[in-house]
C-alpha atoms as a PDB file:
ATOM      1  CA  MET A   1      17.522 -17.315  30.584  1.00  0.00           C
ATOM      2  CA  SER A   2      19.676 -16.187  27.989  1.00  0.00           C
ATOM      3  CA  PHE A   3      19.990 -20.146  27.180  1.00  0.00           C
ATOM      4  CA  THR A   4      16.279 -20.272  27.199  1.00  0.00           C
ATOM      5  CA  TYR A   5      15.922 -17.440  24.726  1.00  0.00           C
ATOM      6  CA  PHE A   6      18.705 -19.216  22.648  1.00  0.00           C
ATOM      7  CA  ILE A   7      17.159 -23.196  22.917  1.00  0.00           C
ATOM      8  CA  LYS A   8      13.497 -21.117  21.447  1.00  0.00           C
ATOM      9  CA  GLY A   9      15.331 -19.383  18.940  1.00  0.00           C
ATOM     10  CA  PHE A  10      16.494 -22.033  17.832  1.00  0.00           C
ATOM     11  CA  VAL A  11      13.413 -24.296  17.755  1.00  0.00           C
ATOM     12  CA  SER A  12      11.209 -22.008  16.121  1.00  0.00           C
ATOM     13  CA  CYS A  13      13.813 -21.374  13.153  1.00  0.00           C
ATOM     14  CA  PHE A  14      14.020 -25.040  12.564  1.00  0.00           C
ATOM     15  CA  ARG A  15      10.587 -25.872  12.325  1.00  0.00           C
ATOM     16  CA  MET A  16      10.105 -23.073   9.284  1.00  0.00           C
ATOM     17  CA  THR A  17      12.904 -25.086   7.254  1.00  0.00           C
ATOM     18  CA  LYS A  18      10.351 -28.225   6.565  1.00  0.00           C
ATOM     19  CA  GLY A  19      10.823 -28.678   3.061  1.00  0.00           C
ATOM     20  CA  ILE A  20      14.587 -28.308   3.375  1.00  0.00           C
ATOM     21  CA  PHE A  21      15.174 -31.683   3.323  1.00  0.00           C
ATOM     22  CA  SER A  22      13.974 -33.863   0.445  1.00  0.00           C
ATOM     23  CA  HIS A  23      11.592 -36.565   1.128  1.00  0.00           C
ATOM     24  CA  SER A  24      12.947 -38.709  -2.161  1.00  0.00           C
ATOM     25  CA  THR A  25      16.612 -39.057  -2.007  1.00  0.00           C
ATOM     26  CA  ASN A  26      16.846 -37.818   1.936  1.00  0.00           C
ATOM     27  CA  ARG A  27      19.332 -35.212   1.256  1.00  0.00           C
ATOM     28  CA  PHE A  28      19.866 -32.006   1.771  1.00  0.00           C
ATOM     29  CA  ASN A  29      17.983 -30.208  -1.291  1.00  0.00           C
ATOM     30  CA  LYS A  30      20.447 -27.195  -2.425  1.00  0.00           C
ATOM     31  CA  PRO A  31      19.413 -23.976  -0.741  1.00  0.00           C
ATOM     32  CA  GLY A  32      18.282 -25.723   2.317  1.00  0.00           C
ATOM     33  CA  ILE A  33      22.075 -25.930   2.634  1.00  0.00           C
ATOM     34  CA  TYR A  34      22.517 -21.915   3.263  1.00  0.00           C
ATOM     35  CA  TRP A  35      19.560 -21.476   4.801  1.00  0.00           C
ATOM     36  CA  ILE A  36      20.578 -24.341   7.724  1.00  0.00           C
ATOM     37  CA  TRP A  37      23.875 -22.212   8.171  1.00  0.00           C
ATOM     38  CA  PHE A  38      22.027 -19.366   8.507  1.00  0.00           C
ATOM     39  CA  ILE A  39      19.581 -19.625  10.895  1.00  0.00           C
ATOM     40  CA  LEU A  40      22.572 -21.553  13.082  1.00  0.00           C
ATOM     41  CA  PHE A  41      24.160 -18.329  12.709  1.00  0.00           C
ATOM     42  CA  HIS A  42      21.487 -16.451  13.838  1.00  0.00           C
ATOM     43  CA  SER A  43      20.628 -18.164  16.526  1.00  0.00           C
ATOM     44  CA  ILE A  44      24.130 -18.154  17.845  1.00  0.00           C
ATOM     45  CA  PHE A  45      23.981 -14.271  17.234  1.00  0.00           C
ATOM     46  CA  VAL A  46      20.621 -13.925  18.988  1.00  0.00           C
ATOM     47  CA  PHE A  47      22.291 -16.242  21.808  1.00  0.00           C
ATOM     48  CA  THR A  48      25.331 -14.113  22.255  1.00  0.00           C
ATOM     49  CA  SER A  49      23.860 -10.726  22.128  1.00  0.00           C
ATOM     50  CA  VAL A  50      21.248 -11.798  25.338  1.00  0.00           C
ATOM     51  CA  SER A  51      24.112 -13.156  27.402  1.00  0.00           C
ATOM     52  CA  GLN A  52      25.711  -9.750  27.231  1.00  0.00           C
ATOM     53  CA  GLU A  53      23.111  -8.229  29.624  1.00  0.00           C
ATOM     54  CA  HIS A  54      25.161  -7.292  32.778  1.00  0.00           C
ATOM     55  CA  ARG A  55      24.146  -6.253  36.009  1.00  0.00           C
ATOM     56  CA  GLN A  56      26.731  -5.324  39.130  1.00  0.00           C
ATOM     57  CA  GLY A  57      27.309  -3.124  42.182  1.00  0.00           C
ATOM     58  CA  LEU A  58      28.775   0.458  42.112  1.00  0.00           C
ATOM     59  CA  ASP A  59      32.212   0.532  41.615  1.00  0.00           C
ATOM     60  CA  THR A  60      33.407   4.175  41.014  1.00  0.00           C
ATOM     61  CA  VAL A  61      32.682   7.558  42.772  1.00  0.00           C
ATOM     62  CA  PHE A  62      33.312  10.841  40.889  1.00  0.00           C
ATOM     63  CA  SER A  63      32.613  13.912  42.962  1.00  0.00           C
ATOM     64  CA  PHE A  64      31.504  13.834  47.206  1.00  0.00           C
ATOM     65  CA  LYS A  65      30.247  16.662  48.907  1.00  0.00           C
ATOM     66  CA  PRO A  66      29.534  15.907  52.444  1.00  0.00           C
ATOM     67  CA  GLY A  67      26.473  17.472  53.984  1.00  0.00           C
ATOM     68  CA  GLN A  68      26.597  19.372  58.033  1.00  0.00           C
ATOM     69  CA  GLY A  69      26.133  17.202  61.000  1.00  0.00           C
ATOM     70  CA  GLN A  70      26.344  12.534  60.108  1.00  0.00           C
ATOM     71  CA  ASN A  71      29.796  12.272  59.048  1.00  0.00           C
ATOM     72  CA  ASN A  72      29.502   7.741  59.149  1.00  0.00           C
ATOM     73  CA  GLY A  73      31.691   5.770  56.787  1.00  0.00           C
ATOM     74  CA  GLN A  74      32.681   8.918  55.385  1.00  0.00           C
ATOM     75  CA  SER A  75      36.582   8.091  56.578  1.00  0.00           C
ATOM     76  CA  PRO A  76      39.144   6.747  54.226  1.00  0.00           C
ATOM     77  CA  GLU A  77      39.192   3.976  55.941  1.00  0.00           C
ATOM     78  CA  TYR A  78      35.259   3.010  55.245  1.00  0.00           C
ATOM     79  CA  TYR A  79      34.818   5.214  51.771  1.00  0.00           C
ATOM     80  CA  PRO A  80      34.409   4.704  49.118  1.00  0.00           C
ATOM     81  CA  LYS A  81      34.997   0.735  49.916  1.00  0.00           C
ATOM     82  CA  ASN A  82      31.675   1.063  51.737  1.00  0.00           C
ATOM     83  CA  ILE A  83      29.141   2.066  48.827  1.00  0.00           C
ATOM     84  CA  PHE A  84      30.604  -0.788  46.612  1.00  0.00           C
ATOM     85  CA  GLY A  85      28.975  -3.673  45.741  1.00  0.00           C
ATOM     86  CA  LEU A  86      26.333  -5.295  46.526  1.00  0.00           C
ATOM     87  CA  PRO A  87      23.844  -4.467  49.641  1.00  0.00           C
ATOM     88  CA  THR A  88      24.101  -5.370  53.617  1.00  0.00           C
ATOM     89  CA  LYS A  89      23.233  -9.578  53.358  1.00  0.00           C
ATOM     90  CA  THR A  90      21.953  -8.978  57.245  1.00  0.00           C
ATOM     91  CA  ALA A  91      19.737  -5.535  56.449  1.00  0.00           C
ATOM     92  CA  THR A  92      16.461  -6.664  57.052  1.00  0.00           C
ATOM     93  CA  GLU A  93      12.923  -4.603  56.969  1.00  0.00           C
ATOM     94  CA  TYR A  94      14.013  -4.153  61.356  1.00  0.00           C
ATOM     95  CA  ILE A  95      17.463  -3.893  61.500  1.00  0.00           C
ATOM     96  CA  PRO A  96      19.435  -2.022  58.504  1.00  0.00           C
ATOM     97  CA  ALA A  97      22.690  -1.119  57.685  1.00  0.00           C
ATOM     98  CA  SER A  98      24.238   0.748  60.286  1.00  0.00           C
ATOM     99  CA  SER A  99      27.915  -0.067  60.587  1.00  0.00           C
ATOM    100  CA  PRO A 100      30.713   2.502  58.738  1.00  0.00           C
ATOM    101  CA  ASP A 101      31.872  -0.472  57.201  1.00  0.00           C
ATOM    102  CA  ASP A 102      28.862  -0.801  55.218  1.00  0.00           C
ATOM    103  CA  MET A 103      27.146   2.405  54.590  1.00  0.00           C
ATOM    104  CA  LEU A 104      28.527   6.394  53.999  1.00  0.00           C
ATOM    105  CA  SER A 105      26.258   8.925  55.731  1.00  0.00           C
ATOM    106  CA  LEU A 106      26.030  12.107  53.356  1.00  0.00           C
ATOM    107  CA  GLY A 107      24.746  14.371  56.050  1.00  0.00           C
ATOM    108  CA  LEU A 108      22.205  17.210  55.562  1.00  0.00           C
ATOM    109  CA  GLY A 109      22.483  18.634  52.492  1.00  0.00           C
ATOM    110  CA  GLY A 110      25.294  15.942  51.345  1.00  0.00           C
ATOM    111  CA  GLU A 111      25.975  14.813  47.691  1.00  0.00           C
ATOM    112  CA  ILE A 112      27.411  12.097  46.061  1.00  0.00           C
ATOM    113  CA  ILE A 113      27.845  11.356  42.127  1.00  0.00           C
ATOM    114  CA  VAL A 114      28.627   8.059  41.038  1.00  0.00           C
ATOM    115  CA  GLY A 115      28.667   5.102  38.288  1.00  0.00           C
ATOM    116  CA  PHE A 116      30.404   2.061  36.738  1.00  0.00           C
ATOM    117  CA  ILE A 117      33.535   2.230  35.831  1.00  0.00           C
ATOM    118  CA  ASN A 118      33.120   0.243  32.136  1.00  0.00           C
ATOM    119  CA  TYR A 119      29.061   0.390  32.010  1.00  0.00           C
ATOM    120  CA  SER A 120      26.419   2.885  31.405  1.00  0.00           C
ATOM    121  CA  ILE A 121      22.744   2.186  32.557  1.00  0.00           C
ATOM    122  CA  VAL A 122      20.633   1.854  29.842  1.00  0.00           C
ATOM    123  CA  ASP A 123      17.190   1.259  29.560  1.00  0.00           C
ATOM    124  CA  GLY A 124      16.031  -2.139  29.445  1.00  0.00           C
ATOM    125  CA  ASP A 125      12.351  -3.886  30.945  1.00  0.00           C
ATOM    126  CA  GLY A 126      11.408  -1.995  34.279  1.00  0.00           C
ATOM    127  CA  PRO A 127      13.485  -0.524  36.625  1.00  0.00           C
ATOM    128  CA  ASP A 128      16.827  -0.022  35.644  1.00  0.00           C
ATOM    129  CA  PHE A 129      18.972   0.755  38.792  1.00  0.00           C
ATOM    130  CA  THR A 130      18.185   0.466  42.392  1.00  0.00           C
ATOM    131  CA  VAL A 131      19.179   2.574  45.451  1.00  0.00           C
ATOM    132  CA  PHE A 132      19.539   0.669  48.723  1.00  0.00           C
ATOM    133  CA  GLU A 133      19.452   3.108  51.824  1.00  0.00           C
ATOM    134  CA  ASN A 134      18.821   1.895  55.242  1.00  0.00           C
ATOM    135  CA  ALA A 135      15.324   2.931  56.096  1.00  0.00           C
ATOM    136  CA  PHE A 136      13.164   0.706  58.691  1.00  0.00           C
ATOM    137  CA  ILE A 137      10.513  -0.024  60.411  1.00  0.00           C
ATOM    138  CA  ASN A 138      10.103   1.735  63.534  1.00  0.00           C
ATOM    139  CA  PRO A 139       8.819  -1.383  65.734  1.00  0.00           C
ATOM    140  CA  ALA A 140       7.621   1.231  68.401  1.00  0.00           C
ATOM    141  CA  ASN A 141       5.386   3.112  66.165  1.00  0.00           C
ATOM    142  CA  ASN A 142       5.652   0.714  62.544  1.00  0.00           C
ATOM    143  CA  LYS A 143       6.242   4.002  60.862  1.00  0.00           C
ATOM    144  CA  ILE A 144       9.029   3.644  57.958  1.00  0.00           C
ATOM    145  CA  PHE A 145      12.000   5.750  59.153  1.00  0.00           C
ATOM    146  CA  ALA A 146      12.845   7.424  56.006  1.00  0.00           C
ATOM    147  CA  GLU A 147      15.954   9.886  55.641  1.00  0.00           C
ATOM    148  CA  PRO A 148      15.032  10.810  51.681  1.00  0.00           C
ATOM    149  CA  ALA A 149      17.391  12.373  48.861  1.00  0.00           C
ATOM    150  CA  LYS A 150      16.047  12.912  44.656  1.00  0.00           C
ATOM    151  CA  ILE A 151      17.699  11.409  42.505  1.00  0.00           C
ATOM    152  CA  ALA A 152      19.376  12.806  39.301  1.00  0.00           C
ATOM    153  CA  VAL A 153      20.901  11.439  36.266  1.00  0.00           C
ATOM    154  CA  SER A 154      23.370  12.169  33.859  1.00  0.00           C
ATOM    155  CA  GLU A 155      25.239  10.723  30.553  1.00  0.00           C
ATOM    156  CA  ASP A 156      27.212  13.657  30.096  1.00  0.00           C
ATOM    157  CA  GLY A 157      28.189  14.451  33.121  1.00  0.00           C
ATOM    158  CA  ILE A 158      27.308  18.042  32.859  1.00  0.00           C
ATOM    159  CA  ASN A 159      22.674  18.226  32.247  1.00  0.00           C
ATOM    160  CA  TYR A 160      21.030  16.475  34.727  1.00  0.00           C
ATOM    161  CA  PHE A 161      17.574  14.820  34.724  1.00  0.00           C
ATOM    162  CA  GLU A 162      16.060  14.575  38.001  1.00  0.00           C
ATOM    163  CA  PHE A 163      13.699  12.210  38.347  1.00  0.00           C
ATOM    164  CA  PRO A 164      10.121  13.680  39.893  1.00  0.00           C
ATOM    165  CA  PHE A 165       9.389  13.314  43.745  1.00  0.00           C
ATOM    166  CA  ASP A 166       6.800  14.653  46.180  1.00  0.00           C
ATOM    167  CA  SER A 167       8.254  16.704  49.282  1.00  0.00           C
ATOM    168  CA  LEU A 168       5.099  15.268  51.613  1.00  0.00           C
ATOM    169  CA  THR A 169       4.670  12.160  50.590  1.00  0.00           C
ATOM    170  CA  LEU A 170       8.484  11.449  49.370  1.00  0.00           C
ATOM    171  CA  GLN A 171       7.124   8.990  46.531  1.00  0.00           C
ATOM    172  CA  GLY A 172      10.070   9.399  44.113  1.00  0.00           C
ATOM    173  CA  CYS A 173      12.649   9.984  46.188  1.00  0.00           C
ATOM    174  CA  ALA A 174      15.186   7.418  47.424  1.00  0.00           C
ATOM    175  CA  GLY A 175      15.349   6.093  51.121  1.00  0.00           C
ATOM    176  CA  THR A 176      12.213   5.321  51.653  1.00  0.00           C
ATOM    177  CA  LYS A 177      12.381   1.670  51.267  1.00  0.00           C
ATOM    178  CA  PRO A 178      13.588  -0.812  53.653  1.00  0.00           C
ATOM    179  CA  THR A 179      16.623  -3.568  52.338  1.00  0.00           C
ATOM    180  CA  TYR A 180      16.282  -7.462  52.262  1.00  0.00           C
ATOM    181  CA  GLY A 181      19.701  -8.549  51.826  1.00  0.00           C
ATOM    182  CA  SER A 182      19.155 -12.415  51.836  1.00  0.00           C
ATOM    183  CA  LYS A 183      16.840 -11.691  48.866  1.00  0.00           C
ATOM    184  CA  ASP A 184      17.588 -11.363  45.464  1.00  0.00           C
ATOM    185  CA  THR A 185      19.561  -8.138  44.600  1.00  0.00           C
ATOM    186  CA  PHE A 186      18.486  -7.795  41.130  1.00  0.00           C
ATOM    187  CA  ASN A 187      14.551  -8.396  41.342  1.00  0.00           C
ATOM    188  CA  PRO A 188      13.428  -5.074  42.925  1.00  0.00           C
ATOM    189  CA  SER A 189      10.022  -7.044  43.594  1.00  0.00           C
ATOM    190  CA  GLU A 190      11.876  -8.158  46.554  1.00  0.00           C
ATOM    191  CA  SER A 191      15.295  -6.639  47.305  1.00  0.00           C
ATOM    192  CA  GLY A 192      13.970  -3.767  48.982  1.00  0.00           C
ATOM    193  CA  GLY A 193      15.006  -0.327  48.170  1.00  0.00           C
ATOM    194  CA  ASN A 194      14.010   2.652  45.598  1.00  0.00           C
ATOM    195  CA  ALA A 195      14.009   1.294  41.899  1.00  0.00           C
ATOM    196  CA  PHE A 196      14.681   4.001  38.957  1.00  0.00           C
ATOM    197  CA  ASP A 197      13.331   3.909  35.360  1.00  0.00           C
ATOM    198  CA  LEU A 198      15.391   6.016  32.707  1.00  0.00           C
ATOM    199  CA  LYS A 199      11.889   5.218  30.769  1.00  0.00           C
ATOM    200  CA  ASP A 200      10.108   7.866  33.025  1.00  0.00           C
ATOM    201  CA  LEU A 201      12.091  10.182  31.835  1.00  0.00           C
ATOM    202  CA  GLY A 202      12.347   9.422  28.027  1.00  0.00           C
ATOM    203  CA  LEU A 203      16.336   8.930  28.443  1.00  0.00           C
ATOM    204  CA  SER A 204      17.815   5.324  26.734  1.00  0.00           C
ATOM    205  CA  ARG A 205      21.810   5.719  28.342  1.00  0.00           C
ATOM    206  CA  ILE A 206      22.854   7.156  31.951  1.00  0.00           C
ATOM    207  CA  ASN A 207      26.423   7.293  33.342  1.00  0.00           C
ATOM    208  CA  PHE A 208      26.446   9.076  36.548  1.00  0.00           C
ATOM    209  CA  ILE A 209      23.712   8.987  39.126  1.00  0.00           C
ATOM    210  CA  LYS A 210      23.939  11.798  41.181  1.00  0.00           C
ATOM    211  CA  ILE A 211      22.118  11.947  45.006  1.00  0.00           C
ATOM    212  CA  THR A 212      21.161  14.770  47.275  1.00  0.00           C
ATOM    213  CA  ASP A 213      19.862  14.175  50.387  1.00  0.00           C
ATOM    214  CA  ILE A 214      17.093  16.306  51.216  1.00  0.00           C
ATOM    215  CA  CYS A 215      15.913  15.515  54.883  1.00  0.00           C
ATOM    216  CA  GLU A 216      15.634  19.014  55.517  1.00  0.00           C
ATOM    217  CA  LYS A 217      12.550  19.098  54.320  1.00  0.00           C
ATOM    218  CA  VAL A 218      11.074  16.778  56.290  1.00  0.00           C
ATOM    219  CA  LEU A 219      12.613  18.495  59.859  1.00  0.00           C
ATOM    220  CA  ASN A 220      12.258  21.736  59.193  1.00  0.00           C
ATOM    221  CA  ASN A 221       7.941  20.370  58.635  1.00  0.00           C
ATOM    222  CA  LYS A 222       7.184  18.876  62.455  1.00  0.00           C
ATOM    223  CA  ASN A 223       4.149  17.901  60.808  1.00  0.00           C
ATOM    224  CA  HIS A 224       5.272  16.243  58.182  1.00  0.00           C
ATOM    225  CA  PRO A 225       4.191  12.329  57.896  1.00  0.00           C
ATOM    226  CA  PHE A 226       8.204  11.172  57.935  1.00  0.00           C
ATOM    227  CA  TYR A 227       9.636  13.499  60.797  1.00  0.00           C
ATOM    228  CA  ASP A 228      11.114  12.154  63.081  1.00  0.00           C
ATOM    229  CA  ALA A 229      13.992  14.898  65.281  1.00  0.00           C
ATOM    230  CA  ILE A 230      16.539  12.242  65.099  1.00  0.00           C
ATOM    231  CA  ILE A 231      16.937  12.317  61.511  1.00  0.00           C
ATOM    232  CA  THR A 232      20.381  13.122  60.210  1.00  0.00           C
ATOM    233  CA  GLY A 233      20.891  12.573  56.326  1.00  0.00           C
ATOM    234  CA  PHE A 234      20.972  10.391  53.986  1.00  0.00           C
ATOM    235  CA  ASP A 235      22.878   7.203  54.268  1.00  0.00           C
ATOM    236  CA  LEU A 236      23.712   4.937  51.503  1.00  0.00           C
ATOM    237  CA  ASP A 237      24.223   1.701  51.177  1.00  0.00           C
ATOM    238  CA  ALA A 238      24.634   0.772  47.851  1.00  0.00           C
ATOM    239  CA  ILE A 239      23.563   0.751  44.166  1.00  0.00           C
ATOM    240  CA  VAL A 240      22.666  -1.985  41.414  1.00  0.00           C
ATOM    241  CA  GLY A 241      22.512  -1.564  37.993  1.00  0.00           C
ATOM    242  CA  LEU A 242      20.158  -4.176  36.389  1.00  0.00           C
ATOM    243  CA  HIS A 243      20.355  -2.914  33.088  1.00  0.00           C
ATOM    244  CA  LEU A 244      24.091  -1.793  32.311  1.00  0.00           C
ATOM    245  CA  SER A 245      25.537  -1.551  28.489  1.00  0.00           C
ATOM    246  CA  PRO A 246      29.347  -1.297  27.720  1.00  0.00           C
ATOM    247  CA  LYS A 247      30.294   2.285  28.148  1.00  0.00           C
ATOM    248  CA  VAL A 248      30.813   4.109  24.381  1.00  0.00           C
ATOM    249  CA  LYS A 249      32.031   7.377  23.266  1.00  0.00           C
ATOM    250  CA  GLY A 250      29.416   9.946  23.048  1.00  0.00           C
ATOM    251  CA  VAL A 251      29.550  12.714  20.772  1.00  0.00           C
ATOM    252  CA  ASN A 252      29.795  15.486  24.552  1.00  0.00           C
ATOM    253  CA  GLU A 253      33.225  13.539  25.185  1.00  0.00           C
ATOM    254  CA  GLU A 254      34.044  14.114  21.272  1.00  0.00           C
ATOM    255  CA  LYS A 255      33.064  17.875  22.114  1.00  0.00           C
ATOM    256  CA  SER A 256      35.658  17.201  25.115  1.00  0.00           C
ATOM    257  CA  ASN A 257      38.226  16.261  23.698  1.00  0.00           C
ATOM    258  CA  GLU A 258      38.861  19.055  20.856  1.00  0.00           C
ATOM    259  CA  ASN A 259      38.955  21.718  24.608  1.00  0.00           C
ATOM    260  CA  GLU A 260      41.409  18.994  26.207  1.00  0.00           C
ATOM    261  CA  GLN A 261      44.288  22.401  25.190  1.00  0.00           C
ATOM    262  CA  SER A 262      42.486  24.517  27.127  1.00  0.00           C
ATOM    263  CA  LEU A 263      43.326  22.476  30.413  1.00  0.00           C
ATOM    264  CA  ILE A 264      47.097  21.410  29.915  1.00  0.00           C
ATOM    265  CA  CYS A 265      48.984  19.709  33.660  1.00  0.00           C
ATOM    266  CA  ASN A 266      52.130  20.206  34.018  1.00  0.00           C
ATOM    267  CA  ASN A 267      54.727  19.054  37.205  1.00  0.00           C
ATOM    268  CA  GLY A 268      51.546  20.489  39.849  1.00  0.00           C
ATOM    269  CA  ILE A 269      50.730  23.535  36.918  1.00  0.00           C
ATOM    270  CA  ILE A 270      47.877  23.964  35.151  1.00  0.00           C
ATOM    271  CA  ASN A 271      48.145  26.838  32.754  1.00  0.00           C
ATOM    272  CA  ILE A 272      44.408  27.792  31.341  1.00  0.00           C
ATOM    273  CA  ASN A 273      44.125  29.162  27.952  1.00  0.00           C
ATOM    274  CA  LEU A 274      40.235  29.379  27.423  1.00  0.00           C
ATOM    275  CA  GLN A 275      40.288  32.017  24.417  1.00  0.00           C
ATOM    276  CA  THR A 276      37.237  33.780  25.431  1.00  0.00           C
ATOM    277  CA  GLU A 277      35.320  37.236  26.298  1.00  0.00           C
ATOM    278  CA  THR A 278      34.199  36.046  29.888  1.00  0.00           C
ATOM    279  CA  GLU A 279      35.464  35.769  33.021  1.00  0.00           C
ATOM    280  CA  GLN A 280      33.090  33.687  34.542  1.00  0.00           C
ATOM    281  CA  ASN A 281      35.060  30.423  35.020  1.00  0.00           C
ATOM    282  CA  LEU A 282      35.214  28.048  37.229  1.00  0.00           C
ATOM    283  CA  LEU A 283      37.983  24.871  38.103  1.00  0.00           C
ATOM    284  CA  LYS A 284      37.430  22.157  41.149  1.00  0.00           C
ATOM    285  CA  VAL A 285      39.975  19.300  41.359  1.00  0.00           C
ATOM    286  CA  TYR A 286      38.794  16.169  43.546  1.00  0.00           C
ATOM    287  CA  ASN A 287      40.848  13.391  44.829  1.00  0.00           C
ATOM    288  CA  THR A 288      40.425   9.608  44.390  1.00  0.00           C
ATOM    289  CA  LEU A 289      37.426   9.388  46.519  1.00  0.00           C
ATOM    290  CA  GLY A 290      34.986  12.130  45.287  1.00  0.00           C
ATOM    291  CA  MET A 291      35.883  14.884  47.777  1.00  0.00           C
ATOM    292  CA  GLU A 292      36.418  18.276  46.224  1.00  0.00           C
ATOM    293  CA  VAL A 293      40.433  19.464  47.375  1.00  0.00           C
ATOM    294  CA  PHE A 294      40.624  22.709  45.264  1.00  0.00           C
ATOM    295  CA  SER A 295      37.992  24.854  43.782  1.00  0.00           C
ATOM    296  CA  ARG A 296      39.278  28.471  42.020  1.00  0.00           C
ATOM    297  CA  THR A 297      37.219  31.141  39.900  1.00  0.00           C
ATOM    298  CA  LEU A 298      39.475  31.834  36.557  1.00  0.00           C
ATOM    299  CA  LYS A 299      40.626  33.805  34.227  1.00  0.00           C
ATOM    300  CA  ASN A 300      40.741  33.680  30.347  1.00  0.00           C
ATOM    301  CA  LEU A 301      44.794  33.214  30.760  1.00  0.00           C
ATOM    302  CA  ASP A 302      45.227  31.676  34.426  1.00  0.00           C
ATOM    303  CA  ILE A 303      47.800  29.412  36.445  1.00  0.00           C
ATOM    304  CA  VAL A 304      46.943  27.230  38.631  1.00  0.00           C
ATOM    305  CA  SER A 305      49.240  25.525  41.052  1.00  0.00           C
ATOM    306  CA  LEU A 306      48.176  21.976  42.895  1.00  0.00           C
ATOM    307  CA  LYS A 307      51.763  21.380  43.828  1.00  0.00           C
ATOM    308  CA  ASN A 308      50.520  21.822  47.732  1.00  0.00           C
ATOM    309  CA  LEU A 309      48.329  18.551  46.891  1.00  0.00           C
ATOM    310  CA  PRO A 310      49.747  14.647  48.332  1.00  0.00           C
ATOM    311  CA  GLU A 311      51.134  12.943  45.019  1.00  0.00           C
ATOM    312  CA  GLY A 312      48.271  10.875  43.537  1.00  0.00           C
ATOM    313  CA  MET A 313      45.788  10.881  40.552  1.00  0.00           C
ATOM    314  CA  TYR A 314      43.103  13.677  40.717  1.00  0.00           C
ATOM    315  CA  LEU A 315      39.624  14.496  38.563  1.00  0.00           C
ATOM    316  CA  VAL A 316      39.963  18.100  37.352  1.00  0.00           C
ATOM    317  CA  TYR A 317      36.837  19.829  36.609  1.00  0.00           C
ATOM    318  CA  LEU A 318      37.044  22.839  34.175  1.00  0.00           C
ATOM    319  CA  SER A 319      32.918  25.091  33.631  1.00  0.00           C
ATOM    320  CA  THR A 320      32.955  28.272  31.483  1.00  0.00           C
ATOM    321  CA  PRO A 321      30.082  29.480  29.932  1.00  0.00           C
ATOM    322  CA  ARG A 322      31.452  27.818  26.640  1.00  0.00           C
ATOM    323  CA  PHE A 323      31.996  23.973  27.690  1.00  0.00           C
ATOM    324  CA  LYS A 324      32.676  22.248  30.177  1.00  0.00           C
ATOM    325  CA  LEU A 325      35.694  19.341  30.935  1.00  0.00           C
ATOM    326  CA  LEU A 326      36.443  16.756  33.458  1.00  0.00           C
ATOM    327  CA  LYS A 327      40.502  15.752  32.980  1.00  0.00           C
ATOM    328  CA  LYS A 328      42.929  12.533  34.650  1.00  0.00           C
ATOM    329  CA  VAL A 329      45.613  14.399  35.785  1.00  0.00           C
ATOM    330  CA  ILE A 330      48.360  12.697  37.714  1.00  0.00           C
ATOM    331  CA  LEU A 331      50.994  14.988  40.304  1.00  0.00           C
END
């Protein structure tokens, strides 16, 4: 598609250059030479810009808080590999993904925050990302078996904006449409899954997608149109970004850098120096699987030991009334 735009752009520009050639001498007019170079470089620039559009499947987890009940696909043997990449190719409206190799059960009330390592999702034409669950059509009653979740997004990982949804019709939720794995994953009109458009929230760029299971809204109401006694929670198969752009450093990230000295980790010991009057401070630590492995409220001057945790890389989240900070540490 991008090459087509390049050709069309080049042809259009060329048509605008009538008169560049001198009919009497069959030579270029001097100004025409500059026009030729301008058009050529302009066309190349347009072609390069358009071809930078990127699409891919999910490739990173920021945090995961399992809910109650179902835990299919949560063990390190499967997770997080089972939600990375593209949706399950064999999934249909009647035979959904069900293997722990292909999906992660959040459990009732579970929550996961995911994204892309090197890319932001940006607002483009139409939907900007699609969430794939293992919803399917129940052949016994020809109704959708849905296990819904609400979707919220953020650019800085702190301030989230939730897509509006109807808890009765489940309009606006994820987990309500089957996946068609053999179709074009990047075409929401045929791929299935639930597609979301940043334009609906008035946002231009996001880096974090938060998925929160809301199945209890259905289970607690036997008269709910989607009620089914065997609902166990949202099952994530995949997320694909339809409009991705390389990440840029934002204002909130720069502000976080100003507070880096508030949290210093050395040999498994975290030193906290907040220099504030309040003690409403919270420290959370997540492992590389997005699992919360440590949580504690903090004093303004505090020392926290993480030496009881296995060696490896962790994400430390510090929340205070004045600022919030995300920092990677290696033990």
